[in-house]
N, C-alpha and C. Protein backbone atom coordinates (compact mmCIF):
# COMPACT_ATOMS: atom_id res chain seq x y z
N MET A 1 7.53 -28.49 -15.51
CA MET A 1 6.51 -27.29 -15.18
C MET A 1 6.38 -27.37 -13.62
N MET A 2 5.81 -26.22 -13.74
CA MET A 2 5.32 -25.70 -11.73
C MET A 2 4.46 -25.09 -11.99
N ARG A 3 3.50 -24.99 -10.81
CA ARG A 3 2.65 -24.35 -10.53
C ARG A 3 2.54 -23.36 -9.45
N ILE A 4 1.94 -22.35 -10.11
CA ILE A 4 1.98 -21.08 -9.14
C ILE A 4 0.60 -20.48 -8.97
N SER A 5 0.45 -20.08 -7.75
CA SER A 5 -1.12 -19.39 -7.25
C SER A 5 -0.42 -18.12 -7.42
N VAL A 6 -2.06 -17.67 -7.78
CA VAL A 6 -1.52 -16.15 -7.78
C VAL A 6 -2.71 -15.02 -7.28
N ARG A 7 -2.19 -14.38 -6.18
CA ARG A 7 -3.81 -13.43 -5.73
C ARG A 7 -4.16 -12.40 -6.67
N LEU A 8 -5.05 -12.13 -6.17
CA LEU A 8 -5.68 -11.09 -6.84
C LEU A 8 -6.83 -10.16 -5.88
N PHE A 9 -7.04 -8.93 -6.14
CA PHE A 9 -7.09 -7.75 -5.54
C PHE A 9 -8.29 -6.98 -5.92
N ALA A 10 -9.17 -6.42 -5.58
CA ALA A 10 -10.01 -5.03 -6.00
C ALA A 10 -10.73 -6.00 -7.56
N GLY A 11 -10.41 -4.87 -8.50
CA GLY A 11 -11.20 -5.27 -9.74
C GLY A 11 -11.40 -6.30 -10.52
N LEU A 12 -9.81 -6.78 -10.02
CA LEU A 12 -9.31 -8.01 -10.58
C LEU A 12 -9.43 -9.02 -10.18
N ARG A 13 -9.73 -9.09 -8.82
CA ARG A 13 -10.48 -10.40 -8.12
C ARG A 13 -12.20 -9.96 -8.71
N GLU A 14 -12.72 -8.99 -8.56
CA GLU A 14 -14.11 -9.25 -9.30
C GLU A 14 -14.24 -10.00 -10.59
N ARG A 15 -13.32 -9.11 -11.21
CA ARG A 15 -13.34 -9.70 -12.63
C ARG A 15 -13.41 -11.48 -13.04
N ALA A 16 -12.21 -11.82 -12.24
CA ALA A 16 -12.41 -13.67 -12.20
C ALA A 16 -13.42 -14.26 -11.18
N GLY A 17 -13.67 -13.61 -10.45
CA GLY A 17 -15.08 -13.90 -9.72
C GLY A 17 -14.29 -15.06 -8.90
N THR A 18 -12.78 -14.40 -8.81
CA THR A 18 -11.95 -15.34 -7.44
C THR A 18 -10.95 -14.87 -6.96
N PRO A 19 -10.49 -15.12 -5.11
CA PRO A 19 -9.60 -14.36 -4.69
C PRO A 19 -7.96 -14.78 -5.47
N THR A 20 -7.71 -16.38 -5.92
CA THR A 20 -6.58 -16.81 -6.50
C THR A 20 -6.53 -17.48 -7.72
N LEU A 21 -5.68 -17.55 -8.62
CA LEU A 21 -5.84 -17.89 -9.60
C LEU A 21 -4.42 -19.02 -9.68
N GLU A 22 -4.83 -20.29 -10.55
CA GLU A 22 -3.27 -21.40 -10.58
C GLU A 22 -2.86 -21.08 -11.88
N LEU A 23 -1.90 -21.32 -12.23
CA LEU A 23 -1.16 -20.90 -13.55
C LEU A 23 0.19 -22.17 -13.34
N GLU A 24 -0.20 -22.74 -14.88
CA GLU A 24 1.12 -24.17 -14.95
C GLU A 24 1.88 -23.29 -16.00
N LEU A 25 3.30 -23.09 -15.31
CA LEU A 25 4.29 -22.38 -15.76
C LEU A 25 6.01 -23.08 -16.71
N PRO A 26 6.53 -23.26 -17.61
CA PRO A 26 7.59 -24.12 -17.45
C PRO A 26 8.51 -23.41 -16.33
N GLU A 27 9.36 -24.40 -16.11
CA GLU A 27 10.50 -23.92 -15.08
C GLU A 27 11.24 -23.08 -15.83
N GLY A 28 11.75 -22.09 -14.72
CA GLY A 28 12.28 -20.73 -15.65
C GLY A 28 11.84 -19.77 -15.83
N ALA A 29 10.65 -19.79 -15.66
CA ALA A 29 9.22 -18.55 -16.50
C ALA A 29 9.77 -17.99 -15.35
N ALA A 30 9.28 -16.43 -16.27
CA ALA A 30 9.66 -15.04 -15.78
C ALA A 30 8.48 -14.43 -15.23
N VAL A 31 8.59 -13.59 -14.59
CA VAL A 31 7.48 -12.81 -14.59
C VAL A 31 6.44 -12.25 -15.85
N ARG A 32 7.14 -11.93 -16.68
CA ARG A 32 6.52 -11.42 -17.94
C ARG A 32 5.68 -12.96 -18.49
N ASP A 33 6.21 -13.67 -17.98
CA ASP A 33 5.58 -14.86 -18.43
C ASP A 33 4.35 -15.31 -18.24
N ALA A 34 3.90 -14.81 -17.08
CA ALA A 34 3.01 -15.03 -16.22
C ALA A 34 2.15 -13.88 -16.30
N LEU A 35 3.04 -12.86 -16.60
CA LEU A 35 2.05 -11.98 -17.13
C LEU A 35 1.20 -12.48 -18.06
N ALA A 36 1.78 -12.35 -19.42
CA ALA A 36 1.64 -13.01 -20.53
C ALA A 36 0.15 -14.05 -21.08
N ALA A 37 0.46 -14.75 -19.52
CA ALA A 37 -0.53 -16.00 -19.31
C ALA A 37 -1.63 -15.79 -18.18
N LEU A 38 -1.98 -14.14 -18.04
CA LEU A 38 -3.03 -13.59 -17.41
C LEU A 38 -3.18 -12.20 -18.35
N SER A 39 -2.98 -12.48 -19.52
CA SER A 39 -3.03 -11.25 -19.88
C SER A 39 -5.08 -11.15 -20.77
N ASP A 40 -5.78 -12.13 -20.93
CA ASP A 40 -6.82 -12.05 -21.20
C ASP A 40 -7.81 -11.24 -19.11
N LEU A 41 -7.61 -11.95 -18.41
CA LEU A 41 -7.23 -11.25 -17.67
C LEU A 41 -7.60 -9.71 -17.24
N THR A 42 -6.07 -9.05 -17.14
CA THR A 42 -5.39 -7.92 -17.00
C THR A 42 -5.94 -7.18 -18.18
N GLY A 43 -6.50 -6.92 -19.39
CA GLY A 43 -6.43 -6.17 -20.30
C GLY A 43 -7.12 -5.32 -20.04
N GLY A 44 -6.93 -4.24 -20.54
CA GLY A 44 -7.41 -2.83 -20.47
C GLY A 44 -6.78 -2.21 -18.88
N VAL A 45 -6.21 -2.75 -18.03
CA VAL A 45 -5.95 -2.80 -17.26
C VAL A 45 -4.45 -2.71 -16.95
N GLN A 46 -3.64 -1.75 -16.46
CA GLN A 46 -1.85 -1.54 -15.93
C GLN A 46 -1.72 -2.54 -15.09
N VAL A 47 -0.79 -3.21 -15.24
CA VAL A 47 -0.64 -4.04 -13.52
C VAL A 47 0.85 -4.37 -13.53
N VAL A 48 1.16 -4.96 -12.06
CA VAL A 48 2.19 -4.97 -11.70
C VAL A 48 2.22 -6.53 -11.03
N MET A 49 3.31 -7.56 -10.86
CA MET A 49 3.15 -8.27 -10.45
C MET A 49 3.91 -8.14 -9.46
N ALA A 50 3.70 -8.73 -7.58
CA ALA A 50 4.49 -8.45 -6.68
C ALA A 50 4.70 -10.35 -6.49
N VAL A 51 6.09 -10.24 -5.75
CA VAL A 51 6.75 -11.66 -5.93
C VAL A 51 7.58 -11.85 -4.44
N ASN A 52 6.92 -12.00 -3.58
CA ASN A 52 7.12 -12.38 -1.78
C ASN A 52 7.48 -10.90 -1.35
N GLN A 53 5.78 -10.04 -2.19
CA GLN A 53 6.10 -9.03 -0.83
C GLN A 53 6.85 -8.05 -1.57
N GLU A 54 7.15 -8.33 -2.68
CA GLU A 54 7.80 -7.41 -3.51
C GLU A 54 7.72 -6.93 -5.31
N TYR A 55 7.51 -6.06 -5.39
CA TYR A 55 7.46 -5.60 -6.52
C TYR A 55 8.27 -6.03 -7.96
N ALA A 56 7.68 -6.42 -8.48
CA ALA A 56 8.76 -7.58 -9.17
C ALA A 56 8.82 -6.68 -10.51
N THR A 57 10.13 -7.11 -11.43
CA THR A 57 10.53 -6.43 -12.84
C THR A 57 10.01 -7.89 -13.55
N GLY A 58 9.53 -7.55 -15.15
CA GLY A 58 9.42 -8.69 -15.74
C GLY A 58 10.33 -9.53 -16.18
N HIS A 59 11.50 -9.57 -15.94
CA HIS A 59 12.91 -10.58 -16.69
C HIS A 59 12.65 -11.26 -14.83
N GLN A 60 12.51 -10.90 -14.06
CA GLN A 60 12.77 -12.00 -12.69
C GLN A 60 12.06 -13.46 -12.57
N ILE A 61 12.74 -14.58 -12.12
CA ILE A 61 12.53 -15.73 -12.40
C ILE A 61 11.57 -15.87 -11.27
N LEU A 62 10.12 -16.59 -11.61
CA LEU A 62 9.53 -17.40 -10.90
C LEU A 62 9.73 -18.36 -10.36
N ARG A 63 10.07 -18.97 -9.00
CA ARG A 63 10.12 -20.39 -8.37
C ARG A 63 9.02 -20.52 -7.86
N ALA A 64 8.81 -21.73 -7.59
CA ALA A 64 7.09 -22.94 -7.30
C ALA A 64 7.93 -22.53 -5.43
N GLY A 65 6.74 -22.11 -4.90
CA GLY A 65 6.39 -21.44 -3.58
C GLY A 65 6.39 -20.39 -3.21
N ASP A 66 6.71 -19.63 -4.25
CA ASP A 66 6.80 -17.97 -4.24
C ASP A 66 5.34 -17.52 -3.67
N GLU A 67 5.36 -16.32 -3.33
CA GLU A 67 3.93 -15.98 -2.85
C GLU A 67 3.91 -15.18 -3.95
N VAL A 68 3.01 -15.21 -4.88
CA VAL A 68 2.28 -14.00 -6.55
C VAL A 68 1.47 -13.46 -6.15
N ALA A 69 1.33 -11.97 -6.01
CA ALA A 69 0.23 -11.59 -6.31
C ALA A 69 0.26 -10.46 -7.68
N LEU A 70 -0.99 -10.29 -8.00
CA LEU A 70 -1.33 -9.00 -9.43
C LEU A 70 -1.65 -7.46 -9.10
N ILE A 71 -0.98 -6.73 -9.01
CA ILE A 71 -1.45 -5.68 -8.07
C ILE A 71 -1.88 -4.64 -8.98
N PRO A 72 -3.27 -4.35 -9.21
CA PRO A 72 -3.79 -3.65 -10.10
C PRO A 72 -3.31 -1.92 -9.50
N PRO A 73 -3.80 -1.19 -10.20
CA PRO A 73 -3.21 0.54 -9.82
C PRO A 73 -3.97 0.39 -8.39
N VAL A 74 -3.29 1.23 -7.44
CA VAL A 74 -3.03 1.47 -6.55
C VAL A 74 -4.11 2.70 -5.75
N SER A 75 -4.88 3.01 -5.17
CA SER A 75 -5.77 3.93 -4.66
C SER A 75 -5.79 3.93 -2.93
N GLY A 76 -5.15 3.72 -2.21
CA GLY A 76 -5.28 3.74 -1.05
C GLY A 76 -5.35 5.38 -0.77
N GLY A 77 -6.29 6.26 0.12
CA GLY A 77 -5.44 6.43 0.43
C GLY A 77 -6.69 5.66 1.82
N SER A 78 5.78 -2.71 16.69
CA SER A 78 6.05 -2.14 18.75
C SER A 78 6.57 -1.33 17.78
N VAL A 79 5.72 -0.04 18.75
CA VAL A 79 6.61 1.43 18.64
C VAL A 79 7.97 1.90 19.09
N SER A 80 7.98 2.06 17.55
CA SER A 80 9.59 2.24 17.52
C SER A 80 9.50 3.61 16.52
N ALA A 81 10.95 4.44 16.48
CA ALA A 81 11.16 5.59 15.38
C ALA A 81 10.16 4.96 14.01
N ALA A 82 9.36 4.24 13.60
CA ALA A 82 8.63 3.75 12.68
C ALA A 82 7.44 3.23 13.02
N HIS A 83 6.01 3.78 13.43
CA HIS A 83 4.94 2.97 13.62
C HIS A 83 3.90 2.58 12.56
N VAL A 84 3.90 1.76 12.30
CA VAL A 84 2.53 1.13 10.99
C VAL A 84 1.38 0.43 11.61
N ARG A 85 0.55 0.90 11.10
CA ARG A 85 -0.75 -0.29 10.47
C ARG A 85 -1.24 -0.02 9.92
N ILE A 86 -2.06 -1.89 9.50
CA ILE A 86 -3.07 -1.82 8.88
C ILE A 86 -4.30 -2.08 9.25
N THR A 87 -5.37 -1.87 9.88
CA THR A 87 -6.61 -2.12 10.42
C THR A 87 -8.19 -1.69 9.85
N GLU A 88 -8.96 -2.79 10.20
CA GLU A 88 -10.42 -2.73 10.01
C GLU A 88 -10.94 -1.15 11.44
N GLU A 89 -10.48 -1.38 12.41
CA GLU A 89 -10.75 -0.53 13.70
C GLU A 89 -10.71 0.66 13.00
N PRO A 90 -11.53 1.66 13.46
CA PRO A 90 -11.88 2.87 13.53
C PRO A 90 -9.96 3.51 14.09
N LEU A 91 -9.36 4.79 13.52
CA LEU A 91 -8.39 5.57 13.42
C LEU A 91 -8.41 6.80 14.30
N ARG A 92 -7.33 6.94 15.36
CA ARG A 92 -7.65 7.93 15.84
C ARG A 92 -6.23 8.46 16.54
N LEU A 93 -6.19 9.52 15.88
CA LEU A 93 -4.81 10.66 15.80
C LEU A 93 -3.85 11.00 17.43
N ASP A 94 -4.57 10.71 18.08
CA ASP A 94 -3.57 11.08 19.43
C ASP A 94 -2.76 9.81 20.05
N PRO A 95 -3.43 8.68 19.60
CA PRO A 95 -1.72 7.37 19.65
C PRO A 95 -0.90 7.54 18.82
N LEU A 96 -1.35 8.13 17.79
CA LEU A 96 -0.07 8.12 16.80
C LEU A 96 0.68 9.36 16.71
N VAL A 97 0.40 10.76 17.46
CA VAL A 97 1.31 12.24 17.99
C VAL A 97 1.84 11.42 19.36
N ALA A 98 1.31 10.34 19.87
CA ALA A 98 1.86 10.00 20.95
C ALA A 98 3.30 9.16 20.85
N ALA A 99 3.18 8.60 19.60
CA ALA A 99 4.13 7.73 18.94
C ALA A 99 5.07 8.11 18.47
N VAL A 100 5.29 9.39 17.91
CA VAL A 100 6.53 10.15 17.25
C VAL A 100 6.52 11.01 18.33
N ARG A 101 6.19 11.41 19.76
CA ARG A 101 6.97 12.37 19.90
C ARG A 101 8.08 12.09 20.75
N ASP A 102 9.05 13.17 20.90
CA ASP A 102 10.41 12.44 21.24
C ASP A 102 10.91 14.04 22.15
N PRO A 103 11.67 13.64 22.45
CA PRO A 103 12.72 15.27 23.15
C PRO A 103 13.28 15.98 22.35
N ARG A 104 13.72 15.53 21.11
CA ARG A 104 14.33 16.30 20.31
C ARG A 104 14.21 16.99 19.15
N ALA A 105 12.28 16.86 19.01
CA ALA A 105 11.36 16.89 18.29
C ALA A 105 10.97 18.84 18.22
N GLY A 106 10.89 19.44 17.73
CA GLY A 106 10.59 20.93 17.88
C GLY A 106 9.32 21.10 17.20
N ALA A 107 8.78 19.80 15.92
CA ALA A 107 7.76 20.19 15.44
C ALA A 107 7.29 18.78 15.03
N VAL A 108 5.59 18.35 15.09
CA VAL A 108 5.19 17.51 14.98
C VAL A 108 3.76 17.70 13.87
N VAL A 109 3.86 16.94 13.16
CA VAL A 109 3.23 17.55 12.12
C VAL A 109 1.74 16.08 11.95
N THR A 110 1.12 16.36 11.49
CA THR A 110 -0.18 15.30 11.15
C THR A 110 -0.75 15.44 9.59
N PHE A 111 -1.30 14.50 9.60
CA PHE A 111 -2.61 14.40 8.39
C PHE A 111 -3.32 13.40 8.96
N SER A 112 -4.75 13.40 7.88
CA SER A 112 -5.50 13.15 8.02
C SER A 112 -6.50 12.81 7.09
N GLY A 113 -6.50 12.00 6.14
CA GLY A 113 -7.45 11.43 4.69
C GLY A 113 -8.75 10.77 5.26
N VAL A 114 -9.40 12.09 5.08
CA VAL A 114 -11.03 11.35 5.45
C VAL A 114 -12.06 11.48 3.98
N THR A 115 -12.75 10.35 4.32
CA THR A 115 -13.95 10.33 3.73
C THR A 115 -14.87 11.67 2.94
N ARG A 116 -15.13 11.93 1.87
CA ARG A 116 -15.76 13.59 1.18
C ARG A 116 -16.50 12.54 0.45
N GLU A 117 -18.17 13.78 0.73
CA GLU A 117 -18.79 13.81 -0.35
C GLU A 117 -19.46 12.51 -0.88
N VAL A 118 -19.17 11.37 -0.27
CA VAL A 118 -20.21 10.05 -0.30
C VAL A 118 -20.47 9.61 1.04
N SER A 119 -21.45 8.76 1.05
CA SER A 119 -21.46 8.09 3.07
C SER A 119 -20.64 7.31 3.34
N ALA A 120 -19.63 6.68 2.16
CA ALA A 120 -18.94 5.60 2.93
C ALA A 120 -18.04 5.09 1.68
N LEU A 121 -16.77 4.79 1.35
CA LEU A 121 -16.17 4.25 1.14
C LEU A 121 -15.64 2.64 1.31
N GLN A 122 -14.82 1.65 0.64
CA GLN A 122 -15.03 0.49 1.12
C GLN A 122 -13.18 0.48 0.57
N TYR A 123 -12.48 0.31 1.18
CA TYR A 123 -11.01 -0.55 1.07
C TYR A 123 -10.70 -1.62 1.54
N GLU A 124 -10.01 -1.88 0.69
CA GLU A 124 -9.48 -3.78 -0.08
C GLU A 124 -7.88 -3.36 0.25
N ALA A 125 -7.30 -4.29 0.85
CA ALA A 125 -5.67 -4.16 0.81
C ALA A 125 -4.72 -5.68 0.85
N TYR A 126 -3.84 -5.14 -0.15
CA TYR A 126 -2.72 -6.93 0.56
C TYR A 126 -2.10 -6.56 1.78
N GLY A 127 -2.60 -7.16 2.76
CA GLY A 127 -2.47 -6.49 4.06
C GLY A 127 -0.76 -6.80 4.11
N GLU A 128 -0.55 -8.13 4.11
CA GLU A 128 0.94 -8.03 4.12
C GLU A 128 1.74 -7.51 3.67
N MET A 129 1.75 -7.35 2.78
CA MET A 129 2.69 -6.47 1.65
C MET A 129 2.77 -4.62 1.98
N ALA A 130 0.91 -4.41 2.50
CA ALA A 130 0.75 -3.03 2.46
C ALA A 130 1.62 -2.79 4.35
N GLN A 131 1.70 -3.87 4.51
CA GLN A 131 2.35 -3.34 5.89
C GLN A 131 3.76 -3.27 5.78
N ARG A 132 4.58 -4.03 4.86
CA ARG A 132 5.67 -3.80 4.41
C ARG A 132 6.11 -2.64 3.64
N GLU A 133 5.26 -2.22 2.73
CA GLU A 133 5.58 -1.12 2.14
C GLU A 133 5.75 0.29 2.77
N ILE A 134 4.60 0.27 3.43
CA ILE A 134 4.68 1.57 4.27
C ILE A 134 5.24 1.87 5.13
N ALA A 135 5.91 0.43 5.78
CA ALA A 135 6.79 0.69 6.49
C ALA A 135 8.15 1.36 6.28
N ALA A 136 8.44 0.93 5.18
CA ALA A 136 9.57 1.48 4.42
C ALA A 136 9.49 2.29 3.95
N ILE A 137 8.24 3.07 3.54
CA ILE A 137 7.87 4.31 3.52
C ILE A 137 8.38 5.07 4.47
N VAL A 138 7.83 5.11 5.29
CA VAL A 138 8.12 5.74 6.47
C VAL A 138 9.18 5.84 7.03
N GLN A 139 10.01 4.86 6.42
CA GLN A 139 11.60 4.44 7.09
C GLN A 139 12.18 5.33 6.30
N ARG A 140 12.12 5.53 5.01
CA ARG A 140 12.91 6.21 3.58
C ARG A 140 12.72 7.56 4.29
N ALA A 141 11.56 7.70 4.63
CA ALA A 141 11.23 9.64 5.26
C ALA A 141 12.07 10.19 6.19
N ILE A 142 12.04 9.18 7.36
CA ILE A 142 13.15 9.20 8.01
C ILE A 142 13.89 9.47 8.25
N GLU A 143 14.64 8.98 7.30
CA GLU A 143 16.19 9.09 6.91
C GLU A 143 15.76 10.03 5.85
N THR A 144 15.50 10.06 5.26
CA THR A 144 15.67 11.67 4.18
C THR A 144 15.72 12.31 4.57
N HIS A 145 14.57 13.14 5.25
CA HIS A 145 14.21 14.03 6.52
C HIS A 145 14.69 14.89 7.49
N GLY A 146 15.37 13.87 8.14
CA GLY A 146 15.84 13.44 9.25
C GLY A 146 15.24 13.57 10.50
N LEU A 147 13.90 12.96 10.18
CA LEU A 147 12.83 12.97 10.88
C LEU A 147 13.50 12.12 12.44
N CYS A 148 12.43 12.81 13.38
CA CYS A 148 13.09 12.18 14.64
C CYS A 148 11.99 10.75 14.60
N ALA A 149 10.66 10.97 14.22
CA ALA A 149 9.71 9.53 14.73
C ALA A 149 8.48 9.78 13.37
N ALA A 150 8.27 9.01 13.15
CA ALA A 150 7.41 9.12 11.86
C ALA A 150 6.30 7.73 11.90
N ALA A 151 4.76 8.09 11.44
CA ALA A 151 3.93 6.94 12.00
C ALA A 151 3.06 7.01 11.02
N ALA A 152 1.91 5.98 10.46
CA ALA A 152 1.53 6.08 9.57
C ALA A 152 0.68 4.92 9.91
N GLU A 153 -1.12 5.41 9.52
CA GLU A 153 -2.06 4.02 9.75
C GLU A 153 -2.77 4.01 8.58
N HIS A 154 -3.41 2.96 8.08
CA HIS A 154 -4.56 3.03 7.17
C HIS A 154 -5.57 1.83 6.92
N ARG A 155 -6.76 2.54 7.23
CA ARG A 155 -7.94 1.55 7.64
C ARG A 155 -8.57 0.64 6.31
N ILE A 156 -8.96 -0.39 6.93
CA ILE A 156 -9.74 -0.93 5.52
C ILE A 156 -11.24 -0.84 5.93
N GLY A 157 -11.94 -1.79 5.17
CA GLY A 157 -13.30 -2.29 4.92
C GLY A 157 -14.03 -0.48 4.72
N THR A 158 -14.88 -0.35 5.54
CA THR A 158 -16.11 0.92 5.20
C THR A 158 -15.44 1.94 6.08
N VAL A 159 -15.26 2.71 5.58
CA VAL A 159 -14.89 4.09 6.75
C VAL A 159 -16.32 5.15 5.76
N GLU A 160 -16.80 5.77 7.17
CA GLU A 160 -17.85 6.37 6.77
C GLU A 160 -17.30 7.83 6.61
N LEU A 161 -18.47 8.63 5.79
CA LEU A 161 -18.50 9.96 5.89
C LEU A 161 -17.88 10.63 6.96
N SER A 162 -16.63 11.06 6.61
CA SER A 162 -15.55 12.78 7.35
C SER A 162 -14.67 11.40 8.75
N GLU A 163 -15.19 10.29 8.64
CA GLU A 163 -14.34 9.88 9.10
C GLU A 163 -12.91 9.07 8.50
N PRO A 164 -11.70 8.89 9.25
CA PRO A 164 -10.22 9.17 8.76
C PRO A 164 -9.81 7.10 7.93
N SER A 165 -9.16 7.68 6.81
CA SER A 165 -9.50 6.53 6.43
C SER A 165 -7.59 5.89 6.33
N VAL A 166 -6.54 7.11 6.41
CA VAL A 166 -5.18 7.22 6.98
C VAL A 166 -4.92 8.47 7.43
N LEU A 167 -4.10 8.17 8.63
CA LEU A 167 -3.23 9.37 9.25
C LEU A 167 -1.95 9.39 9.30
N VAL A 168 -1.01 10.04 9.11
CA VAL A 168 0.04 10.40 9.05
C VAL A 168 0.50 11.21 10.08
N ALA A 169 1.47 11.00 10.95
CA ALA A 169 2.57 12.48 12.20
C ALA A 169 3.95 11.91 12.09
N ALA A 170 4.26 12.96 11.80
CA ALA A 170 6.08 13.25 11.34
C ALA A 170 6.27 13.91 12.72
N SER A 171 7.60 13.75 13.15
CA SER A 171 7.97 14.55 13.91
C SER A 171 9.91 15.07 13.84
N ALA A 172 9.89 16.54 13.76
CA ALA A 172 11.57 16.88 13.66
C ALA A 172 11.91 18.01 14.40
N PRO A 173 12.85 18.19 14.48
CA PRO A 173 13.48 19.03 14.92
C PRO A 173 13.10 20.52 14.49
N HIS A 174 12.79 20.30 13.35
CA HIS A 174 12.16 22.24 12.83
C HIS A 174 11.11 21.48 12.12
N ARG A 175 10.39 22.78 11.61
CA ARG A 175 8.74 22.55 10.66
C ARG A 175 8.89 21.88 9.36
N ALA A 176 9.98 22.40 8.73
CA ALA A 176 10.29 22.08 7.53
C ALA A 176 10.65 21.02 7.47
N GLU A 177 11.09 20.08 7.97
CA GLU A 177 11.66 18.70 7.77
C GLU A 177 10.36 17.96 8.50
N ALA A 178 9.70 18.42 8.94
CA ALA A 178 8.72 17.55 9.44
C ALA A 178 7.50 17.60 8.60
N PHE A 179 7.09 18.84 7.78
CA PHE A 179 5.99 18.96 6.83
C PHE A 179 6.67 18.27 5.74
N ALA A 180 7.82 18.34 4.71
CA ALA A 180 8.57 17.18 4.16
C ALA A 180 8.11 15.98 4.84
N GLY A 181 8.34 15.75 5.20
CA GLY A 181 8.23 14.23 5.73
C GLY A 181 6.90 13.89 5.80
N ALA A 182 6.19 13.81 6.26
CA ALA A 182 4.85 14.05 6.45
C ALA A 182 3.87 13.95 4.87
N ARG A 183 4.26 14.87 4.33
CA ARG A 183 3.44 14.87 2.50
C ARG A 183 4.42 13.54 1.99
N GLU A 184 5.83 13.27 1.99
CA GLU A 184 6.90 12.48 1.24
C GLU A 184 5.65 11.24 1.28
N ILE A 185 5.29 11.20 3.07
CA ILE A 185 4.62 9.50 3.75
C ILE A 185 3.60 9.35 2.77
N ILE A 186 2.42 10.46 3.01
CA ILE A 186 1.25 10.12 2.41
C ILE A 186 1.09 10.29 0.71
N ASP A 187 1.89 11.00 -0.01
CA ASP A 187 1.89 10.57 -1.42
C ASP A 187 2.70 9.24 -1.69
N GLU A 188 3.63 9.00 -1.28
CA GLU A 188 3.99 7.55 -1.16
C GLU A 188 3.30 6.29 -0.96
N ILE A 189 2.31 6.63 -0.23
CA ILE A 189 1.39 5.75 0.33
C ILE A 189 0.04 5.41 -0.66
N LYS A 190 0.05 6.90 -0.81
CA LYS A 190 -0.78 6.57 -1.96
C LYS A 190 -0.24 6.34 -2.97
N ALA A 191 0.83 5.95 -3.78
CA ALA A 191 1.45 6.26 -5.15
C ALA A 191 2.27 4.29 -4.83
N ARG A 192 2.30 3.80 -4.03
CA ARG A 192 2.58 2.53 -3.61
C ARG A 192 2.16 1.32 -3.03
N ALA A 193 1.36 1.85 -2.32
CA ALA A 193 1.01 0.53 -1.06
C ALA A 193 0.05 -0.19 -1.73
N PRO A 194 0.01 -1.70 -1.66
CA PRO A 194 -1.55 -2.23 -2.37
C PRO A 194 -2.63 -2.12 -1.80
N ILE A 195 -3.12 -0.84 -2.35
CA ILE A 195 -4.48 -0.41 -1.35
C ILE A 195 -5.19 0.14 -2.13
N TRP A 196 -6.62 -0.98 -2.13
CA TRP A 196 -7.67 -0.33 -3.20
C TRP A 196 -9.06 0.32 -2.60
N LYS A 197 -9.31 1.46 -3.06
CA LYS A 197 -10.55 2.07 -2.92
C LYS A 197 -12.18 2.05 -3.61
N GLN A 198 -13.11 2.16 -3.20
CA GLN A 198 -13.96 1.70 -3.88
C GLN A 198 -15.28 2.58 -3.63
N GLU A 199 -15.93 3.02 -4.36
CA GLU A 199 -16.60 4.66 -4.05
C GLU A 199 -18.56 3.90 -5.10
N GLU A 200 -19.03 3.93 -4.49
CA GLU A 200 -20.58 3.47 -4.60
C GLU A 200 -20.47 2.49 -5.76
N GLY A 201 -19.74 1.77 -5.24
CA GLY A 201 -19.84 0.56 -6.36
C GLY A 201 -18.98 0.04 -7.03
N GLU A 202 -17.68 1.25 -7.57
CA GLU A 202 -16.67 1.25 -8.71
C GLU A 202 -14.76 1.59 -7.97
N TRP A 203 -14.45 0.83 -8.10
CA TRP A 203 -13.17 1.06 -8.11
C TRP A 203 -12.46 2.37 -8.52
N VAL A 204 -11.82 2.93 -7.80
CA VAL A 204 -11.09 4.14 -7.51
C VAL A 204 -10.07 4.26 -8.65
N ALA A 205 -9.77 4.83 -9.87
CA ALA A 205 -8.54 4.70 -10.74
C ALA A 205 -7.42 5.25 -9.74
N GLY A 206 -6.52 4.46 -9.83
CA GLY A 206 -5.03 4.93 -9.03
C GLY A 206 -4.07 4.71 -10.00
N GLN A 207 -2.94 5.00 -9.53
CA GLN A 207 -1.31 5.08 -10.27
C GLN A 207 -0.64 3.17 -9.89
N THR A 208 -0.12 2.78 -10.85
CA THR A 208 0.47 1.34 -11.15
C THR A 208 2.07 1.54 -10.56
N PRO A 209 1.96 0.77 -9.61
CA PRO A 209 3.48 1.25 -8.36
C PRO A 209 4.54 -0.29 -9.55
N GLN A 210 5.53 0.88 -9.33
CA GLN A 210 6.95 0.49 -10.25
C GLN A 210 7.64 -0.37 -9.40
N PRO A 211 8.62 -1.56 -9.30
CA PRO A 211 9.56 -1.71 -8.82
C PRO A 211 10.61 -0.62 -9.06
N ARG A 212 11.31 -0.46 -7.69
CA ARG A 212 12.19 0.16 -7.21
C ARG A 212 13.87 -0.12 -7.63
N ASN A 213 15.08 0.51 -8.32
CA ASN A 213 16.05 0.50 -9.22
C ASN A 213 16.70 0.11 -7.79
């Protein structure tokens, strides 16, 4: 037998009343076996398991010492070609624009996602994995759309009315590529980054990320 520690976030953490659970599994157990063992906790919630900060398929074998996390549907919304940051500090657009400035760029596109209609939102993240996932999203957009540079930042904690929770900036030789790259980045962050949003005490329903082929 082996002992696996499973990290929990957002509504699952509240449901379990703890940020981690310990599982006893037989040697050679796979992700699907761990999910089956956690079915009482996850009932009614579509989840995916992350192993060592990567979304995992059901047949992936688990090993003692793996960093394992249970990911409910996500609802997020050194400087180089890709600049990424997860922070509790207020977000500022000017430094992000500076991060993507490039002499080859004829266009810089920015996006700000802000709190609306409520006094504040609460954001929680699987910070280490969110950082890696957003960095990968930004790098893919750079390569796909021929961007000069791109950057993204996401805030966690309390985000007051009209304050930004997520910022994206992309630069490219032409506006079409800059717009397309920025849109891909924000859409993928919303779909894949392990970040959760709580509005007026309720966790906002989101999307269940899937492992990449």
